[in-house]
């Protein structure tokens, strides 16, 4: 978890650094992250686990209340989904999905 216990600014800097290193070296990255908004800002693909099983594997844009409930359980996800929607407009570049798919093969 490269951003665990970090403040929001430093978390974003770390995620940008990971993306830059991947781009420079032609690599894909697998990142364990629990900050849903940060993940959707930087990562094109999300794999959500619950009790050790994959309950979601798809685009970051597919995360919604229903998917978040499948991953984390019942909760009012409206604040998170609002943050995800507002961060879409300012989202930085992310790893090309084709490179991630090739790495998964």
N, C-alpha and C. Protein backbone atom coordinates (compact mmCIF):
# COMPACT_ATOMS: atom_id res chain seq x y z
N UNK A 1 0.84 -1.18 0.00
CA UNK A 1 0.00 0.00 0.00
C UNK A 1 0.89 1.24 0.00
N UNK A 2 1.23 1.73 -1.17
CA UNK A 2 2.21 2.82 -1.24
C UNK A 2 1.72 4.14 -0.64
N UNK A 3 0.42 4.30 -0.45
CA UNK A 3 -0.08 5.58 0.06
C UNK A 3 -0.71 5.46 1.45
N UNK A 4 -0.58 4.32 2.09
CA UNK A 4 -1.17 4.13 3.42
C UNK A 4 -0.61 5.15 4.40
N UNK A 5 -1.49 5.77 5.15
CA UNK A 5 -1.14 6.74 6.20
C UNK A 5 -0.51 8.03 5.69
N UNK A 6 -0.60 8.29 4.40
CA UNK A 6 -0.06 9.53 3.86
C UNK A 6 -1.17 10.57 3.70
N UNK A 7 -0.78 11.83 3.74
CA UNK A 7 -1.75 12.89 3.51
C UNK A 7 -2.14 12.90 2.03
N UNK A 8 -3.25 13.55 1.68
CA UNK A 8 -3.74 13.52 0.30
C UNK A 8 -2.73 14.04 -0.74
N UNK A 9 -2.02 15.11 -0.43
CA UNK A 9 -1.06 15.66 -1.39
C UNK A 9 0.07 14.67 -1.66
N UNK A 10 0.64 14.11 -0.60
CA UNK A 10 1.73 13.15 -0.77
C UNK A 10 1.24 11.88 -1.46
N UNK A 11 0.03 11.45 -1.16
CA UNK A 11 -0.54 10.27 -1.82
C UNK A 11 -0.61 10.48 -3.33
N UNK A 12 -1.07 11.65 -3.75
CA UNK A 12 -1.15 11.95 -5.18
C UNK A 12 0.26 12.01 -5.80
N UNK A 13 1.22 12.57 -5.07
CA UNK A 13 2.59 12.62 -5.58
C UNK A 13 3.15 11.22 -5.78
N UNK A 14 2.90 10.34 -4.82
CA UNK A 14 3.38 8.96 -4.92
C UNK A 14 2.73 8.25 -6.11
N UNK A 15 1.43 8.44 -6.29
CA UNK A 15 0.75 7.80 -7.42
C UNK A 15 1.30 8.33 -8.75
N UNK A 16 1.56 9.64 -8.83
CA UNK A 16 2.15 10.20 -10.06
C UNK A 16 3.54 9.61 -10.30
N UNK A 17 4.32 9.45 -9.24
CA UNK A 17 5.65 8.87 -9.37
C UNK A 17 5.57 7.44 -9.89
N UNK A 18 4.65 6.65 -9.36
CA UNK A 18 4.48 5.27 -9.82
C UNK A 18 4.14 5.26 -11.31
N UNK A 19 3.22 6.13 -11.73
CA UNK A 19 2.84 6.19 -13.14
C UNK A 19 4.01 6.61 -14.02
N UNK A 20 4.78 7.59 -13.56
CA UNK A 20 5.94 8.05 -14.33
C UNK A 20 6.97 6.93 -14.49
N UNK A 21 7.25 6.20 -13.41
CA UNK A 21 8.21 5.10 -13.49
C UNK A 21 7.72 4.01 -14.43
N UNK A 22 6.44 3.70 -14.37
CA UNK A 22 5.89 2.69 -15.27
C UNK A 22 5.99 3.14 -16.72
N UNK A 23 5.69 4.39 -16.97
CA UNK A 23 5.75 4.92 -18.33
C UNK A 23 7.18 4.91 -18.85
N UNK A 24 8.13 5.38 -18.04
CA UNK A 24 9.53 5.44 -18.44
C UNK A 24 10.10 4.06 -18.74
N UNK A 25 9.70 3.07 -17.95
CA UNK A 25 10.30 1.74 -18.05
C UNK A 25 9.44 0.74 -18.80
N UNK A 26 8.28 1.18 -19.27
CA UNK A 26 7.40 0.28 -20.01
C UNK A 26 6.84 -0.84 -19.14
N UNK A 27 6.50 -0.52 -17.90
CA UNK A 27 6.02 -1.51 -16.95
C UNK A 27 4.56 -1.27 -16.59
N UNK A 28 3.95 -2.29 -16.07
CA UNK A 28 2.63 -2.17 -15.44
C UNK A 28 2.85 -2.26 -13.93
N UNK A 29 1.92 -1.73 -13.17
CA UNK A 29 2.01 -1.78 -11.72
C UNK A 29 0.74 -2.39 -11.14
N UNK A 30 0.91 -3.20 -10.13
CA UNK A 30 -0.22 -3.70 -9.34
C UNK A 30 -0.12 -3.00 -8.00
N UNK A 31 -1.17 -2.25 -7.66
CA UNK A 31 -1.14 -1.41 -6.46
C UNK A 31 -2.27 -1.81 -5.53
N UNK A 32 -1.95 -2.08 -4.28
CA UNK A 32 -2.96 -2.33 -3.26
C UNK A 32 -3.29 -0.99 -2.62
N UNK A 33 -4.54 -0.55 -2.76
CA UNK A 33 -4.92 0.77 -2.26
C UNK A 33 -6.36 0.72 -1.78
N UNK A 34 -6.63 1.36 -0.65
CA UNK A 34 -7.98 1.37 -0.09
C UNK A 34 -8.67 2.72 -0.24
N UNK A 35 -7.97 3.71 -0.74
CA UNK A 35 -8.56 5.02 -0.99
C UNK A 35 -9.26 4.96 -2.35
N UNK A 36 -10.56 4.77 -2.33
CA UNK A 36 -11.34 4.54 -3.55
C UNK A 36 -11.21 5.73 -4.51
N UNK A 37 -11.31 6.93 -3.99
CA UNK A 37 -11.24 8.11 -4.85
C UNK A 37 -9.87 8.22 -5.51
N UNK A 38 -8.81 8.03 -4.74
CA UNK A 38 -7.46 8.08 -5.29
C UNK A 38 -7.27 7.00 -6.35
N UNK A 39 -7.77 5.81 -6.08
CA UNK A 39 -7.66 4.72 -7.05
C UNK A 39 -8.34 5.07 -8.36
N UNK A 40 -9.54 5.63 -8.28
CA UNK A 40 -10.25 5.95 -9.52
C UNK A 40 -9.61 7.12 -10.27
N UNK A 41 -8.89 7.96 -9.57
CA UNK A 41 -8.20 9.07 -10.24
C UNK A 41 -7.02 8.59 -11.07
N UNK A 42 -6.33 7.56 -10.60
CA UNK A 42 -5.07 7.17 -11.22
C UNK A 42 -5.08 5.83 -11.93
N UNK A 43 -6.01 4.97 -11.62
CA UNK A 43 -5.94 3.60 -12.12
C UNK A 43 -7.10 3.28 -13.05
N UNK A 44 -6.81 2.78 -14.25
CA UNK A 44 -7.89 2.48 -15.18
C UNK A 44 -8.65 1.20 -14.83
N UNK A 45 -8.00 0.29 -14.16
CA UNK A 45 -8.62 -1.01 -13.84
C UNK A 45 -8.60 -1.22 -12.33
N UNK A 46 -9.73 -1.67 -11.80
CA UNK A 46 -9.87 -1.93 -10.37
C UNK A 46 -10.25 -3.40 -10.18
N UNK A 47 -9.56 -4.06 -9.27
CA UNK A 47 -9.94 -5.41 -8.86
C UNK A 47 -10.33 -5.30 -7.39
N UNK A 48 -11.59 -5.58 -7.08
CA UNK A 48 -12.09 -5.49 -5.72
C UNK A 48 -12.23 -6.86 -5.10
N UNK A 49 -11.69 -7.03 -3.91
CA UNK A 49 -11.75 -8.31 -3.20
C UNK A 49 -12.62 -8.18 -1.97
N UNK A 50 -13.28 -9.28 -1.65
CA UNK A 50 -14.02 -9.38 -0.39
C UNK A 50 -13.84 -10.80 0.11
N UNK A 51 -13.35 -10.92 1.32
CA UNK A 51 -13.11 -12.23 1.94
C UNK A 51 -12.27 -13.12 1.04
N UNK A 52 -11.29 -12.52 0.36
CA UNK A 52 -10.36 -13.28 -0.47
C UNK A 52 -10.86 -13.64 -1.85
N UNK A 53 -12.05 -13.21 -2.21
CA UNK A 53 -12.60 -13.51 -3.53
C UNK A 53 -12.77 -12.23 -4.34
N UNK A 54 -12.54 -12.34 -5.64
CA UNK A 54 -12.74 -11.20 -6.54
C UNK A 54 -14.24 -10.98 -6.69
N UNK A 55 -14.69 -9.78 -6.34
CA UNK A 55 -16.11 -9.43 -6.50
C UNK A 55 -16.30 -8.34 -7.55
N UNK A 56 -15.20 -7.75 -8.02
CA UNK A 56 -15.26 -6.78 -9.11
C UNK A 56 -13.92 -6.77 -9.82
N UNK A 57 -13.95 -6.79 -11.13
CA UNK A 57 -12.75 -6.66 -11.95
C UNK A 57 -13.18 -5.90 -13.20
N UNK A 58 -12.88 -4.62 -13.22
CA UNK A 58 -13.33 -3.82 -14.34
C UNK A 58 -12.76 -2.43 -14.30
N UNK A 59 -13.29 -1.57 -15.15
CA UNK A 59 -12.77 -0.21 -15.22
C UNK A 59 -13.09 0.60 -13.96
N UNK A 60 -12.21 1.53 -13.66
CA UNK A 60 -12.45 2.41 -12.51
C UNK A 60 -13.76 3.16 -12.67
N UNK A 61 -14.12 3.47 -13.90
CA UNK A 61 -15.37 4.19 -14.15
C UNK A 61 -16.60 3.35 -13.81
N UNK A 62 -16.42 2.05 -13.63
CA UNK A 62 -17.54 1.18 -13.28
C UNK A 62 -17.85 1.12 -11.80
N UNK A 63 -17.00 1.74 -10.98
CA UNK A 63 -17.26 1.73 -9.54
C UNK A 63 -18.47 2.62 -9.24
N UNK A 64 -19.45 2.04 -8.61
CA UNK A 64 -20.63 2.78 -8.20
C UNK A 64 -21.06 2.25 -6.84
N UNK A 65 -22.19 2.71 -6.34
CA UNK A 65 -22.65 2.30 -5.00
C UNK A 65 -22.81 0.79 -4.90
N UNK A 66 -23.37 0.19 -5.93
CA UNK A 66 -23.60 -1.26 -5.89
C UNK A 66 -22.28 -2.03 -5.82
N UNK A 67 -21.30 -1.62 -6.62
CA UNK A 67 -20.00 -2.29 -6.62
C UNK A 67 -19.29 -2.06 -5.29
N UNK A 68 -19.31 -0.83 -4.78
CA UNK A 68 -18.67 -0.55 -3.50
C UNK A 68 -19.30 -1.37 -2.38
N UNK A 69 -20.61 -1.57 -2.43
CA UNK A 69 -21.29 -2.41 -1.43
C UNK A 69 -20.85 -3.86 -1.56
N UNK A 70 -20.67 -4.34 -2.79
CA UNK A 70 -20.17 -5.72 -2.97
C UNK A 70 -18.78 -5.87 -2.38
N UNK A 71 -17.95 -4.87 -2.54
CA UNK A 71 -16.57 -4.95 -2.05
C UNK A 71 -16.50 -4.76 -0.53
N UNK A 72 -17.12 -3.70 -0.03
CA UNK A 72 -16.94 -3.30 1.37
C UNK A 72 -18.12 -3.57 2.28
N UNK A 73 -19.29 -3.87 1.72
CA UNK A 73 -20.47 -4.08 2.54
C UNK A 73 -21.37 -2.85 2.53
N UNK A 74 -22.51 -2.98 3.22
CA UNK A 74 -23.50 -1.90 3.24
C UNK A 74 -22.94 -0.64 3.88
N UNK A 75 -23.19 0.47 3.22
CA UNK A 75 -22.73 1.77 3.70
C UNK A 75 -23.39 2.83 2.83
N UNK A 76 -23.46 4.05 3.31
CA UNK A 76 -23.92 5.16 2.48
C UNK A 76 -22.71 5.65 1.68
N UNK A 77 -22.68 5.32 0.42
CA UNK A 77 -21.53 5.62 -0.44
C UNK A 77 -21.68 6.95 -1.17
N UNK A 78 -22.70 7.75 -0.85
CA UNK A 78 -22.94 8.96 -1.63
C UNK A 78 -21.77 9.95 -1.58
N UNK A 79 -21.12 10.13 -0.44
CA UNK A 79 -20.00 11.07 -0.37
C UNK A 79 -18.84 10.59 -1.24
N UNK A 80 -18.56 9.30 -1.20
CA UNK A 80 -17.47 8.74 -2.02
C UNK A 80 -17.80 8.87 -3.50
N UNK A 81 -19.01 8.51 -3.90
CA UNK A 81 -19.36 8.59 -5.32
C UNK A 81 -19.34 10.04 -5.81
N UNK A 82 -19.73 10.99 -4.96
CA UNK A 82 -19.65 12.41 -5.35
C UNK A 82 -18.19 12.82 -5.56
N UNK A 83 -17.31 12.38 -4.67
CA UNK A 83 -15.89 12.70 -4.81
C UNK A 83 -15.32 12.08 -6.08
N UNK A 84 -15.73 10.84 -6.38
CA UNK A 84 -15.25 10.18 -7.59
C UNK A 84 -15.69 10.96 -8.82
N UNK A 85 -16.93 11.42 -8.83
CA UNK A 85 -17.44 12.17 -9.98
C UNK A 85 -16.72 13.51 -10.13
N UNK A 86 -16.46 14.19 -9.03
CA UNK A 86 -15.78 15.48 -9.13
C UNK A 86 -14.32 15.32 -9.50
N UNK A 87 -13.70 14.20 -9.13
CA UNK A 87 -12.29 14.00 -9.47
C UNK A 87 -12.12 13.58 -10.92
N UNK A 88 -13.18 13.09 -11.57
CA UNK A 88 -13.09 12.70 -12.98
C UNK A 88 -12.63 13.87 -13.85
N UNK A 89 -13.09 15.06 -13.55
CA UNK A 89 -12.77 16.23 -14.36
C UNK A 89 -11.29 16.61 -14.26
N UNK A 90 -10.67 16.30 -13.12
CA UNK A 90 -9.28 16.69 -12.93
C UNK A 90 -8.35 15.49 -12.88
N UNK A 91 -8.80 14.33 -13.33
CA UNK A 91 -8.00 13.11 -13.24
C UNK A 91 -6.73 13.22 -14.08
N UNK A 92 -5.60 12.82 -13.50
CA UNK A 92 -4.35 12.83 -14.24
C UNK A 92 -4.30 11.67 -15.23
N UNK A 93 -3.26 11.64 -16.02
CA UNK A 93 -3.11 10.52 -16.94
C UNK A 93 -2.92 9.24 -16.14
N UNK A 94 -3.28 8.13 -16.72
CA UNK A 94 -3.12 6.85 -16.04
C UNK A 94 -2.43 5.88 -16.98
N UNK A 95 -2.07 4.72 -16.45
CA UNK A 95 -1.42 3.71 -17.26
C UNK A 95 -2.31 3.29 -18.41
N UNK A 96 -1.76 3.11 -19.59
CA UNK A 96 -2.58 2.64 -20.70
C UNK A 96 -3.19 1.28 -20.39
N UNK A 97 -4.48 1.14 -20.61
CA UNK A 97 -5.17 -0.11 -20.30
C UNK A 97 -4.59 -1.27 -21.09
N UNK A 98 -4.16 -1.03 -22.33
CA UNK A 98 -3.60 -2.10 -23.16
C UNK A 98 -2.36 -2.70 -22.50
N UNK A 99 -1.53 -1.86 -21.91
CA UNK A 99 -0.33 -2.36 -21.24
C UNK A 99 -0.71 -3.20 -20.03
N UNK A 100 -1.73 -2.78 -19.29
CA UNK A 100 -2.18 -3.55 -18.14
C UNK A 100 -2.74 -4.90 -18.56
N UNK A 101 -3.52 -4.91 -19.64
CA UNK A 101 -4.09 -6.16 -20.12
C UNK A 101 -2.99 -7.10 -20.59
N UNK A 102 -1.98 -6.58 -21.26
CA UNK A 102 -0.87 -7.41 -21.71
C UNK A 102 -0.11 -8.00 -20.53
N UNK A 103 0.05 -7.22 -19.47
CA UNK A 103 0.75 -7.71 -18.28
C UNK A 103 -0.04 -8.80 -17.58
N UNK A 104 -1.36 -8.73 -17.67
CA UNK A 104 -2.21 -9.72 -17.01
C UNK A 104 -2.25 -11.03 -17.77
N UNK A 105 -1.91 -11.00 -19.05
CA UNK A 105 -1.99 -12.22 -19.88
C UNK A 105 -0.88 -13.20 -19.58
